Amino acid sequence: MAERPRLLVTRRLPQAVEAYLDEQYDARLNDSDTPLGADALAAAMREYDAICPTITDRFDSEILAAPGRTVRILANFGAGLDHINVAAAKAAGIVVTNTPDALTDATADIAVLLMLMAARRAGEGERELRAGRWTGWRPTHMLGRALTGKVLGLVGFGRIAQATAVRARSFGMTVLYYSRRPAPAEIEASLGAQRCASLEELVQAADIVSLHVPGGQETRHLVDEHLLATMKPGAILVNTARGPVIDEAALAAALRSGRIGAAGLDVYEREPAVHPDLLNLENAVLLPHLGSATIETRTAMGMQAAANLDAFFAGRDPPNRVA
């Protein structure tokens, strides 16, 4: 019987995924769920045939070029790849895959949840109740805003943004989007979505701005002091994409001054740290990166990563190869 490929799984995955990987591969599972540092990842590059990493594992050019490397594939658990230097991996002859489809609906659900929580002041209301400060119903208590009739501006128009548009339409919202390339006319028509010519045009028109762009230097601090000042007064900003897309200090200042109405964030610039000024703001809804956090979605992501590994070691091109 041929030896099974040696596989490192860097974080705990759903039980069904770990059981499958342990059966199919000579797998080392991370029972402690402790993130691996640079030295451990560099050593793993010389010990395993494959690694299944997550967003907490940073593969820079130095780690990818480790002498004596045996790893041939990084089967990423997740869609985003800004934690992997994909160009360096390609140059080193390392295959990189991701799991782009499995988390679409769950992340779109979280985007809408953040819109609702921010617009209806749900987090603020729960904190008041739990602290024993609620004195009972009254007509003007904690008035929020409805989503019906509002304009949603989507920054980026990929799978998750389009799934968010479907949900927004069910609330009676108007959908605008901005992306470098227009979507096919049939997709625009089916979603009732209209493309704006610039990001500034979008944020000037939108009551709620939802971010759906990849991470990396190209989008770092895309939402900065200038863009926040361009948004509608009282508008809501939602981020389920990548934390560094927003300048958190500038966002905290805009929220504190009332320049924009609220923000709903699921991702942060320096995770797991959150800018301290955001923590003290009642008009900031803060979730601990729950975008894909359903058992169904995380299991599907793991099985998609496994399918990429299976194809690679069977001599086929992985279905979700990016490098």
C-alpha atoms as a PDB file:
ATOM      1  CA  MET A   1       0.000   0.000   0.000  1.00  0.00           C
ATOM      2  CA  ALA A   2       1.398   3.395  -0.984  1.00  0.00           C
ATOM      3  CA  GLU A   3       2.219   5.777   1.818  1.00  0.00           C
ATOM      4  CA  ARG A   4      -0.399   8.405   2.438  1.00  0.00           C
ATOM      5  CA  PRO A   5       0.661  12.029   1.834  1.00  0.00           C
ATOM      6  CA  ARG A   6       1.743  13.856   4.971  1.00  0.00           C
ATOM      7  CA  LEU A   7      -0.700  16.668   5.760  1.00  0.00           C
ATOM      8  CA  LEU A   8      -0.595  19.438   8.360  1.00  0.00           C
ATOM      9  CA  VAL A   9      -3.973  20.925   9.352  1.00  0.00           C
ATOM     10  CA  THR A  10      -3.087  24.172  11.106  1.00  0.00           C
ATOM     11  CA  ARG A  11      -6.320  24.775  13.096  1.00  0.00           C
ATOM     12  CA  ARG A  12      -9.233  22.741  14.431  1.00  0.00           C
ATOM     13  CA  LEU A  13     -11.796  22.023  11.704  1.00  0.00           C
ATOM     14  CA  PRO A  14     -15.317  20.584  12.021  1.00  0.00           C
ATOM     15  CA  GLN A  15     -15.286  16.977  13.209  1.00  0.00           C
ATOM     16  CA  ALA A  16     -16.491  15.482   9.932  1.00  0.00           C
ATOM     17  CA  VAL A  17     -13.704  17.248   8.036  1.00  0.00           C
ATOM     18  CA  GLU A  18     -10.977  16.164  10.449  1.00  0.00           C
ATOM     19  CA  ALA A  19     -12.255  12.577  10.350  1.00  0.00           C
ATOM     20  CA  TYR A  20     -12.116  12.536   6.547  1.00  0.00           C
ATOM     21  CA  LEU A  21      -8.635  14.069   6.366  1.00  0.00           C
ATOM     22  CA  ASP A  22      -7.327  11.727   9.060  1.00  0.00           C
ATOM     23  CA  GLU A  23      -8.634   8.744   7.108  1.00  0.00           C
ATOM     24  CA  GLN A  24      -7.298   9.805   3.731  1.00  0.00           C
ATOM     25  CA  TYR A  25      -3.952  11.320   4.758  1.00  0.00           C
ATOM     26  CA  ASP A  26      -1.156  10.944   7.251  1.00  0.00           C
ATOM     27  CA  ALA A  27      -2.600  13.985   8.962  1.00  0.00           C
ATOM     28  CA  ARG A  28      -1.372  15.970  11.925  1.00  0.00           C
ATOM     29  CA  LEU A  29      -4.333  17.751  13.499  1.00  0.00           C
ATOM     30  CA  ASN A  30      -4.000  20.762  15.774  1.00  0.00           C
ATOM     31  CA  ASP A  31      -5.870  19.544  18.853  1.00  0.00           C
ATOM     32  CA  SER A  32      -4.919  22.621  20.892  1.00  0.00           C
ATOM     33  CA  ASP A  33      -6.146  24.970  18.116  1.00  0.00           C
ATOM     34  CA  THR A  34      -3.176  27.239  18.851  1.00  0.00           C
ATOM     35  CA  PRO A  35      -2.084  29.416  15.894  1.00  0.00           C
ATOM     36  CA  LEU A  36       1.299  28.467  14.455  1.00  0.00           C
ATOM     37  CA  GLY A  37       4.091  31.001  14.335  1.00  0.00           C
ATOM     38  CA  ALA A  38       6.507  31.689  11.487  1.00  0.00           C
ATOM     39  CA  ASP A  39       9.146  29.254  12.779  1.00  0.00           C
ATOM     40  CA  ALA A  40       6.630  26.412  13.062  1.00  0.00           C
ATOM     41  CA  LEU A  41       5.303  27.074   9.551  1.00  0.00           C
ATOM     42  CA  ALA A  42       8.834  27.195   8.121  1.00  0.00           C
ATOM     43  CA  ALA A  43       9.630  23.859   9.786  1.00  0.00           C
ATOM     44  CA  ALA A  44       6.385  22.380   8.475  1.00  0.00           C
ATOM     45  CA  MET A  45       7.391  23.287   4.933  1.00  0.00           C
ATOM     46  CA  ARG A  46      10.224  20.735   5.314  1.00  0.00           C
ATOM     47  CA  GLU A  47       8.173  18.039   7.042  1.00  0.00           C
ATOM     48  CA  TYR A  48       4.889  17.667   5.135  1.00  0.00           C
ATOM     49  CA  ASP A  49       3.673  17.137   1.591  1.00  0.00           C
ATOM     50  CA  ALA A  50       0.676  19.439   2.032  1.00  0.00           C
ATOM     51  CA  ILE A  51      -0.610  22.067   4.445  1.00  0.00           C
ATOM     52  CA  CYS A  52      -4.229  23.063   5.003  1.00  0.00           C
ATOM     53  CA  PRO A  53      -3.851  26.623   6.361  1.00  0.00           C
ATOM     54  CA  THR A  54      -6.345  29.283   7.453  1.00  0.00           C
ATOM     55  CA  ILE A  55      -6.277  33.085   7.584  1.00  0.00           C
ATOM     56  CA  THR A  56      -4.275  32.960  10.841  1.00  0.00           C
ATOM     57  CA  ASP A  57      -1.262  31.442   9.013  1.00  0.00           C
ATOM     58  CA  ARG A  58       0.990  33.877   7.191  1.00  0.00           C
ATOM     59  CA  PHE A  59       2.996  32.405   4.326  1.00  0.00           C
ATOM     60  CA  ASP A  60       5.430  35.081   3.178  1.00  0.00           C
ATOM     61  CA  SER A  61       8.088  34.691   0.514  1.00  0.00           C
ATOM     62  CA  GLU A  62      10.731  33.644   3.073  1.00  0.00           C
ATOM     63  CA  ILE A  63       8.651  30.776   4.450  1.00  0.00           C
ATOM     64  CA  LEU A  64       7.616  29.650   0.977  1.00  0.00           C
ATOM     65  CA  ALA A  65      11.256  29.544  -0.128  1.00  0.00           C
ATOM     66  CA  ALA A  66      12.375  27.459   2.869  1.00  0.00           C
ATOM     67  CA  PRO A  67      15.372  25.287   1.926  1.00  0.00           C
ATOM     68  CA  GLY A  68      14.631  21.589   1.805  1.00  0.00           C
ATOM     69  CA  ARG A  69      10.934  22.245   1.206  1.00  0.00           C
ATOM     70  CA  THR A  70       8.731  19.185   0.741  1.00  0.00           C
ATOM     71  CA  VAL A  71       5.303  20.871   0.711  1.00  0.00           C
ATOM     72  CA  ARG A  72       3.763  20.835  -2.758  1.00  0.00           C
ATOM     73  CA  ILE A  73       0.299  22.254  -2.095  1.00  0.00           C
ATOM     74  CA  LEU A  74      -1.351  24.766   0.243  1.00  0.00           C
ATOM     75  CA  ALA A  75      -5.047  23.848   0.358  1.00  0.00           C
ATOM     76  CA  ASN A  76      -6.357  26.988   2.008  1.00  0.00           C
ATOM     77  CA  PHE A  77      -9.421  26.754   4.250  1.00  0.00           C
ATOM     78  CA  GLY A  78     -11.179  29.954   3.163  1.00  0.00           C
ATOM     79  CA  ALA A  79     -11.737  32.116   0.120  1.00  0.00           C
ATOM     80  CA  GLY A  80      -9.385  35.002   0.909  1.00  0.00           C
ATOM     81  CA  LEU A  81      -5.681  34.627   0.190  1.00  0.00           C
ATOM     82  CA  ASP A  82      -4.079  37.833   1.441  1.00  0.00           C
ATOM     83  CA  HIS A  83      -2.257  35.794   4.126  1.00  0.00           C
ATOM     84  CA  ILE A  84      -0.424  33.832   1.403  1.00  0.00           C
ATOM     85  CA  ASN A  85       2.094  35.380  -0.984  1.00  0.00           C
ATOM     86  CA  VAL A  86       0.522  33.690  -3.993  1.00  0.00           C
ATOM     87  CA  ALA A  87       3.119  35.019  -6.430  1.00  0.00           C
ATOM     88  CA  ALA A  88       5.954  33.630  -4.290  1.00  0.00           C
ATOM     89  CA  ALA A  89       4.161  30.281  -4.005  1.00  0.00           C
ATOM     90  CA  LYS A  90       3.765  30.111  -7.766  1.00  0.00           C
ATOM     91  CA  ALA A  91       7.426  30.987  -8.275  1.00  0.00           C
ATOM     92  CA  ALA A  92       8.384  28.182  -5.873  1.00  0.00           C
ATOM     93  CA  GLY A  93       6.188  25.687  -7.717  1.00  0.00           C
ATOM     94  CA  ILE A  94       3.702  25.331  -4.857  1.00  0.00           C
ATOM     95  CA  VAL A  95       0.059  24.850  -5.807  1.00  0.00           C
ATOM     96  CA  VAL A  96      -2.408  27.072  -3.931  1.00  0.00           C
ATOM     97  CA  THR A  97      -6.150  26.418  -3.708  1.00  0.00           C
ATOM     98  CA  ASN A  98      -9.036  28.036  -1.837  1.00  0.00           C
ATOM     99  CA  THR A  99     -12.710  27.454  -1.016  1.00  0.00           C
ATOM    100  CA  PRO A 100     -14.552  30.256  -2.827  1.00  0.00           C
ATOM    101  CA  ASP A 101     -18.123  29.009  -3.081  1.00  0.00           C
ATOM    102  CA  ALA A 102     -18.969  27.425   0.257  1.00  0.00           C
ATOM    103  CA  LEU A 103     -19.147  30.576   2.373  1.00  0.00           C
ATOM    104  CA  THR A 104     -21.174  32.839   0.065  1.00  0.00           C
ATOM    105  CA  ASP A 105     -24.600  32.549   1.684  1.00  0.00           C
ATOM    106  CA  ALA A 106     -23.399  32.534   5.289  1.00  0.00           C
ATOM    107  CA  THR A 107     -21.326  35.688   4.777  1.00  0.00           C
ATOM    108  CA  ALA A 108     -24.167  37.456   2.971  1.00  0.00           C
ATOM    109  CA  ASP A 109     -26.412  36.585   5.926  1.00  0.00           C
ATOM    110  CA  ILE A 110     -23.938  38.216   8.319  1.00  0.00           C
ATOM    111  CA  ALA A 111     -23.784  41.344   6.137  1.00  0.00           C
ATOM    112  CA  VAL A 112     -27.559  41.719   6.379  1.00  0.00           C
ATOM    113  CA  LEU A 113     -27.471  40.918  10.111  1.00  0.00           C
ATOM    114  CA  LEU A 114     -24.987  43.761  10.621  1.00  0.00           C
ATOM    115  CA  MET A 115     -27.171  46.116   8.588  1.00  0.00           C
ATOM    116  CA  LEU A 116     -30.176  45.270  10.746  1.00  0.00           C
ATOM    117  CA  MET A 117     -28.275  45.475  14.027  1.00  0.00           C
ATOM    118  CA  ALA A 118     -26.746  48.828  13.131  1.00  0.00           C
ATOM    119  CA  ALA A 119     -29.944  50.319  11.699  1.00  0.00           C
ATOM    120  CA  ARG A 120     -32.164  49.108  14.559  1.00  0.00           C
ATOM    121  CA  ARG A 121     -29.598  49.673  17.341  1.00  0.00           C
ATOM    122  CA  ALA A 122     -29.907  46.037  18.400  1.00  0.00           C
ATOM    123  CA  GLY A 123     -26.513  45.734  20.077  1.00  0.00           C
ATOM    124  CA  GLU A 124     -27.031  48.956  21.976  1.00  0.00           C
ATOM    125  CA  GLY A 125     -30.460  47.791  23.104  1.00  0.00           C
ATOM    126  CA  GLU A 126     -29.210  44.421  24.330  1.00  0.00           C
ATOM    127  CA  ARG A 127     -26.418  46.082  26.313  1.00  0.00           C
ATOM    128  CA  GLU A 128     -28.943  48.414  27.951  1.00  0.00           C
ATOM    129  CA  LEU A 129     -31.210  45.534  28.906  1.00  0.00           C
ATOM    130  CA  ARG A 130     -28.432  43.291  30.257  1.00  0.00           C
ATOM    131  CA  ALA A 131     -27.023  46.172  32.308  1.00  0.00           C
ATOM    132  CA  GLY A 132     -30.405  46.691  33.987  1.00  0.00           C
ATOM    133  CA  ARG A 133     -30.844  50.180  32.524  1.00  0.00           C
ATOM    134  CA  TRP A 134     -34.046  49.452  30.565  1.00  0.00           C
ATOM    135  CA  THR A 135     -37.002  51.165  32.224  1.00  0.00           C
ATOM    136  CA  GLY A 136     -39.732  49.856  29.922  1.00  0.00           C
ATOM    137  CA  TRP A 137     -41.376  50.608  26.602  1.00  0.00           C
ATOM    138  CA  ARG A 138     -41.889  54.203  25.532  1.00  0.00           C
ATOM    139  CA  PRO A 139     -42.712  55.697  22.122  1.00  0.00           C
ATOM    140  CA  THR A 140     -39.398  57.445  21.523  1.00  0.00           C
ATOM    141  CA  HIS A 141     -37.049  54.915  23.085  1.00  0.00           C
ATOM    142  CA  MET A 142     -34.016  53.913  21.013  1.00  0.00           C
ATOM    143  CA  LEU A 143     -35.478  54.763  17.625  1.00  0.00           C
ATOM    144  CA  GLY A 144     -33.603  53.245  14.730  1.00  0.00           C
ATOM    145  CA  ARG A 145     -34.112  53.251  10.981  1.00  0.00           C
ATOM    146  CA  ALA A 146     -35.842  50.877   8.593  1.00  0.00           C
ATOM    147  CA  LEU A 147     -34.065  49.127   5.731  1.00  0.00           C
ATOM    148  CA  THR A 148     -37.126  49.315   3.480  1.00  0.00           C
ATOM    149  CA  GLY A 149     -36.745  52.052   0.912  1.00  0.00           C
ATOM    150  CA  LYS A 150     -33.075  52.622   1.640  1.00  0.00           C
ATOM    151  CA  VAL A 151     -30.218  52.547  -0.896  1.00  0.00           C
ATOM    152  CA  LEU A 152     -27.615  49.818  -0.446  1.00  0.00           C
ATOM    153  CA  GLY A 153     -24.215  50.471  -2.007  1.00  0.00           C
ATOM    154  CA  LEU A 154     -22.100  47.374  -2.594  1.00  0.00           C
ATOM    155  CA  VAL A 155     -18.353  47.927  -2.959  1.00  0.00           C
ATOM    156  CA  GLY A 156     -17.310  44.983  -5.098  1.00  0.00           C
ATOM    157  CA  PHE A 157     -19.834  42.781  -6.879  1.00  0.00           C
ATOM    158  CA  GLY A 158     -18.660  39.195  -6.599  1.00  0.00           C
ATOM    159  CA  ARG A 159     -20.513  36.181  -5.248  1.00  0.00           C
ATOM    160  CA  ILE A 160     -21.060  37.458  -1.717  1.00  0.00           C
ATOM    161  CA  ALA A 161     -22.068  40.949  -2.812  1.00  0.00           C
ATOM    162  CA  GLN A 162     -24.586  39.504  -5.258  1.00  0.00           C
ATOM    163  CA  ALA A 163     -25.999  37.197  -2.574  1.00  0.00           C
ATOM    164  CA  THR A 164     -26.286  40.240  -0.298  1.00  0.00           C
ATOM    165  CA  ALA A 165     -28.153  42.065  -3.067  1.00  0.00           C
ATOM    166  CA  VAL A 166     -30.693  39.226  -3.260  1.00  0.00           C
ATOM    167  CA  ARG A 167     -31.358  39.557   0.462  1.00  0.00           C
ATOM    168  CA  ALA A 168     -31.493  43.358   0.321  1.00  0.00           C
ATOM    169  CA  ARG A 169     -34.110  43.264  -2.414  1.00  0.00           C
ATOM    170  CA  SER A 170     -36.370  41.238  -0.116  1.00  0.00           C
ATOM    171  CA  PHE A 171     -36.288  44.218   2.278  1.00  0.00           C
ATOM    172  CA  GLY A 172     -37.343  46.580  -0.502  1.00  0.00           C
ATOM    173  CA  MET A 173     -33.940  48.202  -0.855  1.00  0.00           C
ATOM    174  CA  THR A 174     -32.496  49.808  -3.980  1.00  0.00           C
ATOM    175  CA  VAL A 175     -29.159  48.244  -4.953  1.00  0.00           C
ATOM    176  CA  LEU A 176     -26.174  50.144  -6.350  1.00  0.00           C
ATOM    177  CA  TYR A 177     -22.715  48.697  -6.822  1.00  0.00           C
ATOM    178  CA  TYR A 178     -19.217  49.737  -7.753  1.00  0.00           C
ATOM    179  CA  SER A 179     -16.618  47.429  -9.268  1.00  0.00           C
ATOM    180  CA  ARG A 180     -13.854  47.897 -11.790  1.00  0.00           C
ATOM    181  CA  ARG A 181     -15.793  45.933 -14.389  1.00  0.00           C
ATOM    182  CA  PRO A 182     -19.553  45.954 -14.911  1.00  0.00           C
ATOM    183  CA  ALA A 183     -21.464  42.763 -14.190  1.00  0.00           C
ATOM    184  CA  PRO A 184     -23.229  41.035 -17.087  1.00  0.00           C
ATOM    185  CA  ALA A 185     -26.454  42.805 -18.006  1.00  0.00           C
ATOM    186  CA  GLU A 186     -28.548  39.775 -17.088  1.00  0.00           C
ATOM    187  CA  ILE A 187     -27.136  39.748 -13.530  1.00  0.00           C
ATOM    188  CA  GLU A 188     -27.776  43.470 -13.134  1.00  0.00           C
ATOM    189  CA  ALA A 189     -31.331  42.959 -14.370  1.00  0.00           C
ATOM    190  CA  SER A 190     -32.053  39.956 -12.158  1.00  0.00           C
ATOM    191  CA  LEU A 191     -30.824  41.819  -9.048  1.00  0.00           C
ATOM    192  CA  GLY A 192     -32.164  45.226 -10.020  1.00  0.00           C
ATOM    193  CA  ALA A 193     -28.636  46.527  -9.482  1.00  0.00           C
ATOM    194  CA  GLN A 194     -27.150  49.638 -11.054  1.00  0.00           C
ATOM    195  CA  ARG A 195     -23.425  50.261 -11.396  1.00  0.00           C
ATOM    196  CA  CYS A 196     -21.931  53.570 -10.276  1.00  0.00           C
ATOM    197  CA  ALA A 197     -19.103  55.118 -12.252  1.00  0.00           C
ATOM    198  CA  SER A 198     -16.919  55.676  -9.175  1.00  0.00           C
ATOM    199  CA  LEU A 199     -16.635  54.712  -5.529  1.00  0.00           C
ATOM    200  CA  GLU A 200     -17.301  58.313  -4.531  1.00  0.00           C
ATOM    201  CA  GLU A 201     -20.531  58.357  -6.529  1.00  0.00           C
ATOM    202  CA  LEU A 202     -21.635  55.176  -4.778  1.00  0.00           C
ATOM    203  CA  VAL A 203     -21.016  56.348  -1.215  1.00  0.00           C
ATOM    204  CA  GLN A 204     -22.637  59.710  -1.863  1.00  0.00           C
ATOM    205  CA  ALA A 205     -25.860  57.941  -2.881  1.00  0.00           C
ATOM    206  CA  ALA A 206     -25.977  55.003  -0.439  1.00  0.00           C
ATOM    207  CA  ASP A 207     -27.696  54.902   2.938  1.00  0.00           C
ATOM    208  CA  ILE A 208     -25.783  51.709   3.719  1.00  0.00           C
ATOM    209  CA  VAL A 209     -22.334  50.900   2.266  1.00  0.00           C
ATOM    210  CA  SER A 210     -21.321  47.228   2.394  1.00  0.00           C
ATOM    211  CA  LEU A 211     -17.747  46.172   1.596  1.00  0.00           C
ATOM    212  CA  HIS A 212     -17.076  43.063  -0.525  1.00  0.00           C
ATOM    213  CA  VAL A 213     -13.537  43.472  -1.862  1.00  0.00           C
ATOM    214  CA  PRO A 214     -10.439  41.294  -1.369  1.00  0.00           C
ATOM    215  CA  GLY A 215      -7.673  42.244   1.020  1.00  0.00           C
ATOM    216  CA  GLY A 216      -4.135  43.252   0.115  1.00  0.00           C
ATOM    217  CA  GLN A 217      -2.231  46.437  -0.570  1.00  0.00           C
ATOM    218  CA  GLU A 218      -4.542  47.467  -3.389  1.00  0.00           C
ATOM    219  CA  THR A 219      -7.518  47.805  -1.042  1.00  0.00           C
ATOM    220  CA  ARG A 220      -5.748  48.733   2.210  1.00  0.00           C
ATOM    221  CA  HIS A 221      -7.526  51.727   3.773  1.00  0.00           C
ATOM    222  CA  LEU A 222      -9.840  52.016   0.787  1.00  0.00           C
ATOM    223  CA  VAL A 223     -12.243  53.475   3.319  1.00  0.00           C
ATOM    224  CA  ASP A 224     -10.239  56.359   4.732  1.00  0.00           C
ATOM    225  CA  GLU A 225     -10.979  59.776   6.219  1.00  0.00           C
ATOM    226  CA  HIS A 226     -11.739  61.213   2.783  1.00  0.00           C
ATOM    227  CA  LEU A 227     -14.194  58.502   1.769  1.00  0.00           C
ATOM    228  CA  LEU A 228     -15.937  58.596   5.149  1.00  0.00           C
ATOM    229  CA  ALA A 229     -16.370  62.358   4.730  1.00  0.00           C
ATOM    230  CA  THR A 230     -17.924  61.694   1.306  1.00  0.00           C
ATOM    231  CA  MET A 231     -20.587  59.345   2.681  1.00  0.00           C
ATOM    232  CA  LYS A 232     -24.121  60.491   3.371  1.00  0.00           C
ATOM    233  CA  PRO A 233     -24.560  62.013   6.828  1.00  0.00           C
ATOM    234  CA  GLY A 234     -25.964  59.296   9.050  1.00  0.00           C
ATOM    235  CA  ALA A 235     -25.049  56.473   6.661  1.00  0.00           C
ATOM    236  CA  ILE A 236     -24.116  52.992   7.856  1.00  0.00           C
ATOM    237  CA  LEU A 237     -20.890  51.195   6.934  1.00  0.00           C
ATOM    238  CA  VAL A 238     -20.729  47.371   6.957  1.00  0.00           C
ATOM    239  CA  ASN A 239     -17.588  45.277   6.547  1.00  0.00           C
ATOM    240  CA  THR A 240     -17.577  41.494   6.092  1.00  0.00           C
ATOM    241  CA  ALA A 241     -14.603  41.555   3.689  1.00  0.00           C
ATOM    242  CA  ARG A 242     -11.156  42.173   5.206  1.00  0.00           C
ATOM    243  CA  GLY A 243     -10.292  44.385   8.154  1.00  0.00           C
ATOM    244  CA  PRO A 244      -7.486  46.453   6.573  1.00  0.00           C
ATOM    245  CA  VAL A 245      -9.920  47.758   3.942  1.00  0.00           C
ATOM    246  CA  ILE A 246     -10.976  50.300   6.605  1.00  0.00           C
ATOM    247  CA  ASP A 247      -8.784  52.837   8.408  1.00  0.00           C
ATOM    248  CA  GLU A 248     -10.200  52.034  11.851  1.00  0.00           C
ATOM    249  CA  ALA A 249      -8.921  55.220  13.489  1.00  0.00           C
ATOM    250  CA  ALA A 250     -10.657  57.319  10.829  1.00  0.00           C
ATOM    251  CA  LEU A 251     -13.831  55.251  11.191  1.00  0.00           C
ATOM    252  CA  ALA A 252     -13.868  55.678  14.966  1.00  0.00           C
ATOM    253  CA  ALA A 253     -13.511  59.448  14.544  1.00  0.00           C
ATOM    254  CA  ALA A 254     -16.375  59.554  12.008  1.00  0.00           C
ATOM    255  CA  LEU A 255     -18.626  57.533  14.313  1.00  0.00           C
ATOM    256  CA  ARG A 256     -17.729  59.545  17.397  1.00  0.00           C
ATOM    257  CA  SER A 257     -18.428  62.861  15.666  1.00  0.00           C
ATOM    258  CA  GLY A 258     -21.703  61.620  14.170  1.00  0.00           C
ATOM    259  CA  ARG A 259     -20.389  62.158  10.642  1.00  0.00           C
ATOM    260  CA  ILE A 260     -21.783  58.725   9.789  1.00  0.00           C
ATOM    261  CA  GLY A 261     -24.559  57.038  11.711  1.00  0.00           C
ATOM    262  CA  ALA A 262     -23.237  53.591  12.540  1.00  0.00           C
ATOM    263  CA  ALA A 263     -20.949  50.758  11.501  1.00  0.00           C
ATOM    264  CA  GLY A 264     -21.276  46.992  11.566  1.00  0.00           C
ATOM    265  CA  LEU A 265     -17.957  45.152  11.515  1.00  0.00           C
ATOM    266  CA  ASP A 266     -17.124  41.449  11.397  1.00  0.00           C
ATOM    267  CA  VAL A 267     -13.442  41.853  10.490  1.00  0.00           C
ATOM    268  CA  TYR A 268     -10.677  44.085  11.818  1.00  0.00           C
ATOM    269  CA  GLU A 269      -7.437  45.689  10.760  1.00  0.00           C
ATOM    270  CA  ARG A 270      -5.272  43.858  13.319  1.00  0.00           C
ATOM    271  CA  GLU A 271      -7.303  40.794  14.307  1.00  0.00           C
ATOM    272  CA  PRO A 272      -7.911  39.736  16.986  1.00  0.00           C
ATOM    273  CA  ALA A 273      -7.145  43.241  18.293  1.00  0.00           C
ATOM    274  CA  VAL A 274      -9.846  45.850  17.739  1.00  0.00           C
ATOM    275  CA  HIS A 275      -9.145  49.573  17.750  1.00  0.00           C
ATOM    276  CA  PRO A 276      -9.887  50.676  21.353  1.00  0.00           C
ATOM    277  CA  ASP A 277     -11.895  53.699  20.213  1.00  0.00           C
ATOM    278  CA  LEU A 278     -14.350  51.400  18.420  1.00  0.00           C
ATOM    279  CA  LEU A 279     -14.905  49.349  21.570  1.00  0.00           C
ATOM    280  CA  ASN A 280     -16.306  52.376  23.400  1.00  0.00           C
ATOM    281  CA  LEU A 281     -18.780  53.478  20.734  1.00  0.00           C
ATOM    282  CA  GLU A 282     -22.462  52.593  21.053  1.00  0.00           C
ATOM    283  CA  ASN A 283     -22.993  53.065  17.302  1.00  0.00           C
ATOM    284  CA  ALA A 284     -20.427  50.389  16.403  1.00  0.00           C
ATOM    285  CA  VAL A 285     -21.724  46.815  16.099  1.00  0.00           C
ATOM    286  CA  LEU A 286     -18.775  44.465  16.521  1.00  0.00           C
ATOM    287  CA  LEU A 287     -18.793  40.721  15.777  1.00  0.00           C
ATOM    288  CA  PRO A 288     -15.828  38.315  16.195  1.00  0.00           C
ATOM    289  CA  HIS A 289     -15.346  37.323  12.531  1.00  0.00           C
ATOM    290  CA  LEU A 290     -18.462  35.149  12.263  1.00  0.00           C
ATOM    291  CA  GLY A 291     -19.014  35.538   8.514  1.00  0.00           C
ATOM    292  CA  SER A 292     -18.803  31.842   7.626  1.00  0.00           C
ATOM    293  CA  ALA A 293     -19.407  30.517  11.134  1.00  0.00           C
ATOM    294  CA  THR A 294     -22.144  27.956  10.645  1.00  0.00           C
ATOM    295  CA  ILE A 295     -21.474  24.253  11.026  1.00  0.00           C
ATOM    296  CA  GLU A 296     -22.870  23.677   7.540  1.00  0.00           C
ATOM    297  CA  THR A 297     -20.624  26.289   5.940  1.00  0.00           C
ATOM    298  CA  ARG A 298     -17.422  25.450   7.789  1.00  0.00           C
ATOM    299  CA  THR A 299     -17.928  21.750   7.026  1.00  0.00           C
ATOM    300  CA  ALA A 300     -18.516  22.532   3.353  1.00  0.00           C
ATOM    301  CA  MET A 301     -15.357  24.674   3.303  1.00  0.00           C
ATOM    302  CA  GLY A 302     -13.351  21.837   4.813  1.00  0.00           C
ATOM    303  CA  MET A 303     -14.686  19.289   2.370  1.00  0.00           C
ATOM    304  CA  GLN A 304     -13.926  21.659  -0.508  1.00  0.00           C
ATOM    305  CA  ALA A 305     -10.336  21.970   0.743  1.00  0.00           C
ATOM    306  CA  ALA A 306     -10.233  18.164   0.955  1.00  0.00           C
ATOM    307  CA  ALA A 307     -11.507  17.873  -2.615  1.00  0.00           C
ATOM    308  CA  ASN A 308      -8.649  20.108  -3.750  1.00  0.00           C
ATOM    309  CA  LEU A 309      -6.158  17.886  -1.936  1.00  0.00           C
ATOM    310  CA  ASP A 310      -7.733  14.703  -3.301  1.00  0.00           C
ATOM    311  CA  ALA A 311      -7.547  15.963  -6.872  1.00  0.00           C
ATOM    312  CA  PHE A 312      -3.943  17.120  -6.508  1.00  0.00           C
ATOM    313  CA  PHE A 313      -2.652  13.836  -5.083  1.00  0.00           C
ATOM    314  CA  ALA A 314      -4.636  11.871  -7.684  1.00  0.00           C
ATOM    315  CA  GLY A 315      -2.732  13.746 -10.395  1.00  0.00           C
ATOM    316  CA  ARG A 316      -5.645  15.972 -11.422  1.00  0.00           C
ATOM    317  CA  ASP A 317      -5.859  19.758 -11.448  1.00  0.00           C
ATOM    318  CA  PRO A 318      -7.547  20.902  -8.208  1.00  0.00           C
ATOM    319  CA  PRO A 319     -10.996  22.420  -8.859  1.00  0.00           C
ATOM    320  CA  ASN A 320     -10.222  25.625  -6.965  1.00  0.00           C
ATOM    321  CA  ARG A 321      -6.632  26.222  -7.966  1.00  0.00           C
ATOM    322  CA  VAL A 322      -5.462  29.834  -7.827  1.00  0.00           C
ATOM    323  CA  ALA A 323      -1.716  29.242  -8.379  1.00  0.00           C
END
